[in-house]
């Protein structure tokens, strides 16, 4: 499991863009005050929102949009006790590069990605 990239649900769109670009991330999870994931924002989705803004593309409007408004679907997550094979199947089914891992309280604690699968799954398949 790797560390998850996340922002608070009340972070602005500008904060999201800053995190994505400064860290060279392709996505971030949006978490609530308890640390539970509310959704996931992809860099491509942010670009689509900006491209659709036809009038007054100045940066000011981005400061007023909270990250939670950029989320259109709740994230697909697994628990820390979910078998790796099931996490991999969910990733393939939903065409995800990573899947969020939550603890028993529902707080985001990490992610499982293709690199984790590549390291551990050959042992189980062979």
N, C-alpha and C. Protein backbone atom coordinates (compact mmCIF):
# COMPACT_ATOMS: atom_id res chain seq x y z
N UNK A 1 0.84 -1.17 0.00
CA UNK A 1 0.00 0.00 0.00
C UNK A 1 0.89 1.24 0.00
N UNK A 2 0.47 2.23 -0.77
CA UNK A 2 1.20 3.48 -0.86
C UNK A 2 0.41 4.59 -0.18
N UNK A 3 1.08 5.71 0.05
CA UNK A 3 0.42 6.88 0.63
C UNK A 3 -0.56 7.47 -0.38
N UNK A 4 -1.72 7.86 0.09
CA UNK A 4 -2.74 8.45 -0.79
C UNK A 4 -2.50 9.94 -0.97
N UNK A 5 -2.80 10.45 -2.14
CA UNK A 5 -2.77 11.88 -2.41
C UNK A 5 -4.17 12.40 -2.10
N UNK A 6 -4.28 13.42 -1.25
CA UNK A 6 -5.60 13.90 -0.86
C UNK A 6 -5.60 15.40 -0.59
N UNK A 7 -6.83 15.95 -0.60
CA UNK A 7 -7.08 17.33 -0.20
C UNK A 7 -8.32 17.32 0.68
N UNK A 8 -8.44 18.33 1.54
CA UNK A 8 -9.66 18.47 2.35
C UNK A 8 -10.81 18.85 1.45
N UNK A 9 -12.03 18.48 1.83
CA UNK A 9 -13.21 18.73 1.00
C UNK A 9 -13.50 20.21 0.81
N UNK A 10 -12.99 21.07 1.69
CA UNK A 10 -13.24 22.49 1.54
C UNK A 10 -12.06 23.24 0.89
N UNK A 11 -11.05 22.49 0.43
CA UNK A 11 -9.95 23.10 -0.32
C UNK A 11 -10.53 23.68 -1.61
N UNK A 12 -9.94 24.76 -2.09
CA UNK A 12 -10.46 25.38 -3.32
C UNK A 12 -9.93 24.65 -4.55
N UNK A 13 -10.55 24.94 -5.67
CA UNK A 13 -10.09 24.37 -6.94
C UNK A 13 -8.64 24.79 -7.20
N UNK A 14 -8.29 25.99 -6.80
CA UNK A 14 -6.92 26.45 -6.95
C UNK A 14 -5.97 25.58 -6.14
N UNK A 15 -6.37 25.23 -4.91
CA UNK A 15 -5.54 24.35 -4.08
C UNK A 15 -5.34 23.00 -4.74
N UNK A 16 -6.40 22.47 -5.33
CA UNK A 16 -6.33 21.18 -6.03
C UNK A 16 -5.35 21.28 -7.19
N UNK A 17 -5.47 22.33 -7.99
CA UNK A 17 -4.58 22.51 -9.14
C UNK A 17 -3.14 22.65 -8.66
N UNK A 18 -2.92 23.43 -7.61
CA UNK A 18 -1.57 23.61 -7.06
C UNK A 18 -0.97 22.27 -6.63
N UNK A 19 -1.76 21.45 -5.91
CA UNK A 19 -1.27 20.15 -5.46
C UNK A 19 -0.96 19.22 -6.63
N UNK A 20 -1.87 19.20 -7.61
CA UNK A 20 -1.66 18.32 -8.77
C UNK A 20 -0.39 18.70 -9.53
N UNK A 21 -0.21 19.99 -9.76
CA UNK A 21 0.94 20.42 -10.56
C UNK A 21 2.25 20.40 -9.77
N UNK A 22 2.22 20.85 -8.53
CA UNK A 22 3.46 20.91 -7.73
C UNK A 22 4.02 19.52 -7.45
N UNK A 23 3.14 18.54 -7.31
CA UNK A 23 3.57 17.19 -6.96
C UNK A 23 3.58 16.23 -8.14
N UNK A 24 3.18 16.72 -9.32
CA UNK A 24 3.10 15.89 -10.52
C UNK A 24 2.18 14.68 -10.31
N UNK A 25 1.03 14.93 -9.68
CA UNK A 25 0.03 13.89 -9.44
C UNK A 25 -0.98 13.91 -10.58
N UNK A 26 -1.62 12.76 -10.84
CA UNK A 26 -2.67 12.75 -11.84
C UNK A 26 -4.05 12.75 -11.20
N UNK A 27 -4.11 12.60 -9.88
CA UNK A 27 -5.39 12.62 -9.19
C UNK A 27 -5.18 12.94 -7.70
N UNK A 28 -6.27 13.31 -7.04
CA UNK A 28 -6.28 13.45 -5.58
C UNK A 28 -7.62 12.94 -5.07
N UNK A 29 -7.61 12.40 -3.87
CA UNK A 29 -8.85 12.06 -3.19
C UNK A 29 -9.32 13.29 -2.42
N UNK A 30 -10.61 13.48 -2.32
CA UNK A 30 -11.19 14.55 -1.51
C UNK A 30 -11.71 13.87 -0.25
N UNK A 31 -11.22 14.34 0.92
CA UNK A 31 -11.64 13.71 2.18
C UNK A 31 -12.38 14.71 3.06
N UNK A 32 -13.29 14.18 3.89
CA UNK A 32 -14.03 15.04 4.81
C UNK A 32 -13.25 15.23 6.11
N UNK A 33 -13.85 15.90 7.09
CA UNK A 33 -13.14 16.22 8.32
C UNK A 33 -12.76 14.99 9.14
N UNK A 34 -13.41 13.85 8.91
CA UNK A 34 -13.04 12.60 9.58
C UNK A 34 -11.99 11.81 8.81
N UNK A 35 -11.63 12.28 7.64
CA UNK A 35 -10.66 11.58 6.81
C UNK A 35 -11.27 10.59 5.85
N UNK A 36 -12.60 10.52 5.80
CA UNK A 36 -13.28 9.59 4.89
C UNK A 36 -13.30 10.17 3.48
N UNK A 37 -13.00 9.36 2.47
CA UNK A 37 -13.00 9.87 1.09
C UNK A 37 -14.42 10.17 0.60
N UNK A 38 -14.57 11.36 0.04
CA UNK A 38 -15.84 11.76 -0.57
C UNK A 38 -15.82 11.55 -2.08
N UNK A 39 -14.63 11.52 -2.64
CA UNK A 39 -14.51 11.36 -4.07
C UNK A 39 -13.07 11.46 -4.51
N UNK A 40 -12.89 11.44 -5.80
CA UNK A 40 -11.55 11.49 -6.38
C UNK A 40 -11.60 12.46 -7.55
N UNK A 41 -10.58 13.29 -7.67
CA UNK A 41 -10.52 14.27 -8.75
C UNK A 41 -9.32 13.93 -9.63
N UNK A 42 -9.57 13.78 -10.92
CA UNK A 42 -8.51 13.53 -11.89
C UNK A 42 -8.08 14.85 -12.51
N UNK A 43 -6.82 15.00 -12.81
CA UNK A 43 -6.29 16.21 -13.43
C UNK A 43 -7.02 16.51 -14.75
N UNK A 44 -7.33 15.49 -15.50
CA UNK A 44 -8.03 15.67 -16.78
C UNK A 44 -9.41 16.28 -16.55
N UNK A 45 -10.09 15.87 -15.48
CA UNK A 45 -11.41 16.43 -15.17
C UNK A 45 -11.31 17.91 -14.84
N UNK A 46 -10.26 18.31 -14.13
CA UNK A 46 -10.05 19.72 -13.81
C UNK A 46 -9.84 20.52 -15.09
N UNK A 47 -9.04 19.97 -16.00
CA UNK A 47 -8.82 20.66 -17.28
C UNK A 47 -10.12 20.80 -18.07
N UNK A 48 -10.97 19.80 -18.03
CA UNK A 48 -12.25 19.88 -18.74
C UNK A 48 -13.14 20.96 -18.14
N UNK A 49 -13.13 21.10 -16.83
CA UNK A 49 -13.93 22.15 -16.19
C UNK A 49 -13.43 23.52 -16.60
N UNK A 50 -12.12 23.70 -16.60
CA UNK A 50 -11.54 24.98 -17.00
C UNK A 50 -11.85 25.28 -18.46
N UNK A 51 -11.76 24.27 -19.31
CA UNK A 51 -12.03 24.47 -20.74
C UNK A 51 -13.48 24.85 -20.99
N UNK A 52 -14.41 24.34 -20.18
CA UNK A 52 -15.83 24.66 -20.35
C UNK A 52 -16.18 26.07 -19.88
N UNK A 53 -15.33 26.65 -19.07
CA UNK A 53 -15.57 28.01 -18.57
C UNK A 53 -15.29 28.99 -19.71
N UNK A 54 -16.32 29.39 -20.39
CA UNK A 54 -16.18 30.19 -21.61
C UNK A 54 -16.00 31.69 -21.32
N UNK A 55 -16.54 32.15 -20.22
CA UNK A 55 -16.51 33.58 -19.92
C UNK A 55 -15.59 33.84 -18.73
N UNK A 56 -14.76 34.86 -18.82
CA UNK A 56 -13.94 35.31 -17.71
C UNK A 56 -13.12 34.19 -17.09
N UNK A 57 -12.10 33.76 -17.79
CA UNK A 57 -11.27 32.66 -17.32
C UNK A 57 -10.23 33.09 -16.30
N UNK A 58 -10.45 34.19 -15.62
CA UNK A 58 -9.47 34.59 -14.62
C UNK A 58 -9.45 33.61 -13.46
N UNK A 59 -8.43 33.68 -12.68
CA UNK A 59 -8.21 32.70 -11.60
C UNK A 59 -9.16 32.89 -10.42
N UNK A 60 -9.77 34.06 -10.29
CA UNK A 60 -10.58 34.36 -9.10
C UNK A 60 -11.72 33.37 -8.90
N UNK A 61 -12.38 32.94 -9.94
CA UNK A 61 -13.51 32.03 -9.77
C UNK A 61 -13.08 30.69 -9.21
N UNK A 62 -11.82 30.29 -9.46
CA UNK A 62 -11.34 29.00 -8.96
C UNK A 62 -11.15 28.99 -7.44
N UNK A 63 -10.92 30.16 -6.86
CA UNK A 63 -10.74 30.23 -5.41
C UNK A 63 -12.05 30.00 -4.67
N UNK A 64 -13.17 30.22 -5.33
CA UNK A 64 -14.47 30.06 -4.68
C UNK A 64 -15.11 28.70 -4.85
N UNK A 65 -14.49 27.82 -5.60
CA UNK A 65 -15.08 26.49 -5.84
C UNK A 65 -14.41 25.47 -4.93
N UNK A 66 -15.15 24.89 -3.96
CA UNK A 66 -14.54 23.88 -3.09
C UNK A 66 -14.33 22.56 -3.83
N UNK A 67 -13.33 21.82 -3.39
CA UNK A 67 -12.97 20.55 -4.03
C UNK A 67 -14.14 19.59 -4.09
N UNK A 68 -15.00 19.60 -3.08
CA UNK A 68 -16.12 18.65 -3.07
C UNK A 68 -17.04 18.85 -4.26
N UNK A 69 -17.07 20.06 -4.84
CA UNK A 69 -17.92 20.31 -6.01
C UNK A 69 -17.30 19.78 -7.29
N UNK A 70 -16.04 19.40 -7.26
CA UNK A 70 -15.39 18.83 -8.44
C UNK A 70 -15.62 17.33 -8.54
N UNK A 71 -16.16 16.74 -7.49
CA UNK A 71 -16.38 15.29 -7.43
C UNK A 71 -17.74 14.98 -8.03
N UNK A 72 -17.76 14.03 -8.97
CA UNK A 72 -19.05 13.66 -9.55
C UNK A 72 -19.52 12.27 -9.13
N UNK A 73 -18.61 11.43 -8.67
CA UNK A 73 -18.98 10.10 -8.19
C UNK A 73 -18.23 9.80 -6.90
N UNK A 74 -18.85 9.05 -5.99
CA UNK A 74 -18.10 8.66 -4.79
C UNK A 74 -16.98 7.69 -5.19
N UNK A 75 -15.88 7.68 -4.45
CA UNK A 75 -14.76 6.81 -4.84
C UNK A 75 -15.04 5.35 -4.55
N UNK A 76 -14.43 4.49 -5.33
CA UNK A 76 -14.47 3.06 -5.06
C UNK A 76 -13.29 2.79 -4.13
N UNK A 77 -13.58 2.18 -3.00
CA UNK A 77 -12.54 1.91 -2.01
C UNK A 77 -12.61 0.46 -1.56
N UNK A 78 -11.54 0.04 -0.91
CA UNK A 78 -11.48 -1.27 -0.26
C UNK A 78 -11.01 -1.04 1.17
N UNK A 79 -11.19 -2.03 2.02
CA UNK A 79 -10.70 -1.93 3.39
C UNK A 79 -9.31 -2.54 3.48
N UNK A 80 -8.68 -2.33 4.62
CA UNK A 80 -7.34 -2.88 4.83
C UNK A 80 -7.33 -4.40 4.83
N UNK A 81 -8.48 -5.03 5.05
CA UNK A 81 -8.55 -6.48 5.09
C UNK A 81 -9.03 -7.10 3.77
N UNK A 82 -9.33 -6.27 2.78
CA UNK A 82 -9.77 -6.78 1.47
C UNK A 82 -8.61 -7.52 0.81
N UNK A 83 -8.86 -8.72 0.30
CA UNK A 83 -7.79 -9.44 -0.41
C UNK A 83 -7.29 -8.65 -1.62
N UNK A 84 -6.00 -8.71 -1.85
CA UNK A 84 -5.37 -7.98 -2.95
C UNK A 84 -5.99 -8.37 -4.30
N UNK A 85 -6.33 -9.63 -4.47
CA UNK A 85 -6.93 -10.08 -5.72
C UNK A 85 -8.27 -9.38 -5.98
N UNK A 86 -9.06 -9.19 -4.92
CA UNK A 86 -10.35 -8.49 -5.07
C UNK A 86 -10.12 -7.02 -5.42
N UNK A 87 -9.13 -6.38 -4.78
CA UNK A 87 -8.80 -4.99 -5.10
C UNK A 87 -8.39 -4.88 -6.57
N UNK A 88 -7.59 -5.82 -7.04
CA UNK A 88 -7.16 -5.83 -8.44
C UNK A 88 -8.34 -6.01 -9.39
N UNK A 89 -9.27 -6.88 -9.02
CA UNK A 89 -10.45 -7.09 -9.86
C UNK A 89 -11.29 -5.83 -9.94
N UNK A 90 -11.44 -5.11 -8.83
CA UNK A 90 -12.18 -3.85 -8.85
C UNK A 90 -11.49 -2.80 -9.72
N UNK A 91 -10.17 -2.76 -9.62
CA UNK A 91 -9.41 -1.81 -10.45
C UNK A 91 -9.62 -2.11 -11.93
N UNK A 92 -9.56 -3.38 -12.31
CA UNK A 92 -9.77 -3.75 -13.72
C UNK A 92 -11.20 -3.47 -14.17
N UNK A 93 -12.16 -3.82 -13.33
CA UNK A 93 -13.57 -3.64 -13.67
C UNK A 93 -13.91 -2.18 -13.91
N UNK A 94 -13.34 -1.30 -13.07
CA UNK A 94 -13.69 0.13 -13.14
C UNK A 94 -12.62 0.97 -13.83
N UNK A 95 -11.65 0.30 -14.45
CA UNK A 95 -10.58 0.97 -15.20
C UNK A 95 -9.87 2.03 -14.36
N UNK A 96 -9.41 1.62 -13.17
CA UNK A 96 -8.71 2.50 -12.25
C UNK A 96 -7.23 2.18 -12.21
N UNK A 97 -6.42 3.22 -12.06
CA UNK A 97 -4.98 3.02 -11.85
C UNK A 97 -4.66 2.75 -10.40
N UNK A 98 -5.49 3.28 -9.51
CA UNK A 98 -5.33 3.10 -8.08
C UNK A 98 -6.70 2.99 -7.44
N UNK A 99 -6.74 2.34 -6.29
CA UNK A 99 -7.98 2.25 -5.52
C UNK A 99 -7.66 2.65 -4.09
N UNK A 100 -8.54 3.45 -3.49
CA UNK A 100 -8.33 3.92 -2.13
C UNK A 100 -8.52 2.80 -1.11
N UNK A 101 -7.73 2.86 -0.05
CA UNK A 101 -7.84 1.89 1.06
C UNK A 101 -8.28 2.66 2.30
N UNK A 102 -9.35 2.20 2.94
CA UNK A 102 -9.86 2.85 4.14
C UNK A 102 -9.74 1.92 5.34
N UNK A 103 -9.65 2.53 6.53
CA UNK A 103 -9.60 1.72 7.76
C UNK A 103 -11.01 1.38 8.21
N UNK A 104 -11.13 0.77 9.38
CA UNK A 104 -12.45 0.33 9.86
C UNK A 104 -13.39 1.51 10.13
N UNK A 105 -12.84 2.70 10.34
CA UNK A 105 -13.65 3.90 10.56
C UNK A 105 -14.01 4.61 9.27
N UNK A 106 -13.51 4.12 8.14
CA UNK A 106 -13.80 4.72 6.84
C UNK A 106 -12.84 5.81 6.43
N UNK A 107 -11.77 6.03 7.21
CA UNK A 107 -10.78 7.06 6.88
C UNK A 107 -9.78 6.53 5.85
N UNK A 108 -9.40 7.37 4.92
CA UNK A 108 -8.44 7.00 3.89
C UNK A 108 -7.06 6.81 4.52
N UNK A 109 -6.47 5.63 4.29
CA UNK A 109 -5.15 5.34 4.87
C UNK A 109 -4.09 5.08 3.81
N UNK A 110 -4.50 4.93 2.56
CA UNK A 110 -3.53 4.67 1.49
C UNK A 110 -4.22 4.29 0.20
N UNK A 111 -3.41 3.85 -0.75
CA UNK A 111 -3.92 3.39 -2.04
C UNK A 111 -3.18 2.14 -2.47
N UNK A 112 -3.84 1.36 -3.29
CA UNK A 112 -3.21 0.22 -3.94
C UNK A 112 -3.25 0.52 -5.42
N UNK A 113 -2.11 0.41 -6.08
CA UNK A 113 -2.03 0.72 -7.50
C UNK A 113 -1.45 -0.43 -8.30
N UNK A 114 -1.25 -0.17 -9.58
CA UNK A 114 -0.70 -1.19 -10.47
C UNK A 114 0.68 -1.67 -10.01
N UNK A 115 1.47 -0.75 -9.47
CA UNK A 115 2.81 -1.16 -9.02
C UNK A 115 2.74 -2.15 -7.87
N UNK A 116 1.78 -1.97 -6.97
CA UNK A 116 1.60 -2.93 -5.87
C UNK A 116 1.17 -4.28 -6.42
N UNK A 117 0.26 -4.25 -7.37
CA UNK A 117 -0.22 -5.49 -7.99
C UNK A 117 0.94 -6.22 -8.68
N UNK A 118 1.74 -5.47 -9.41
CA UNK A 118 2.85 -6.09 -10.15
C UNK A 118 3.86 -6.74 -9.21
N UNK A 119 4.04 -6.16 -8.03
CA UNK A 119 4.98 -6.73 -7.06
C UNK A 119 4.45 -7.97 -6.37
N UNK A 120 3.15 -8.01 -6.10
CA UNK A 120 2.62 -9.07 -5.26
C UNK A 120 1.77 -10.13 -5.97
N UNK A 121 1.09 -9.78 -7.04
CA UNK A 121 0.17 -10.71 -7.67
C UNK A 121 0.83 -11.88 -8.37
N UNK A 122 2.00 -11.76 -9.00
CA UNK A 122 2.58 -12.95 -9.66
C UNK A 122 2.73 -14.13 -8.72
N UNK A 123 2.97 -13.87 -7.45
CA UNK A 123 3.11 -14.95 -6.46
C UNK A 123 1.83 -15.77 -6.37
N UNK A 124 0.68 -15.09 -6.49
CA UNK A 124 -0.60 -15.76 -6.32
C UNK A 124 -1.10 -16.40 -7.60
N UNK A 125 -0.72 -15.82 -8.74
CA UNK A 125 -1.19 -16.33 -10.03
C UNK A 125 -0.44 -17.59 -10.43
N UNK A 126 0.86 -17.65 -10.13
CA UNK A 126 1.66 -18.80 -10.50
C UNK A 126 1.43 -19.92 -9.59
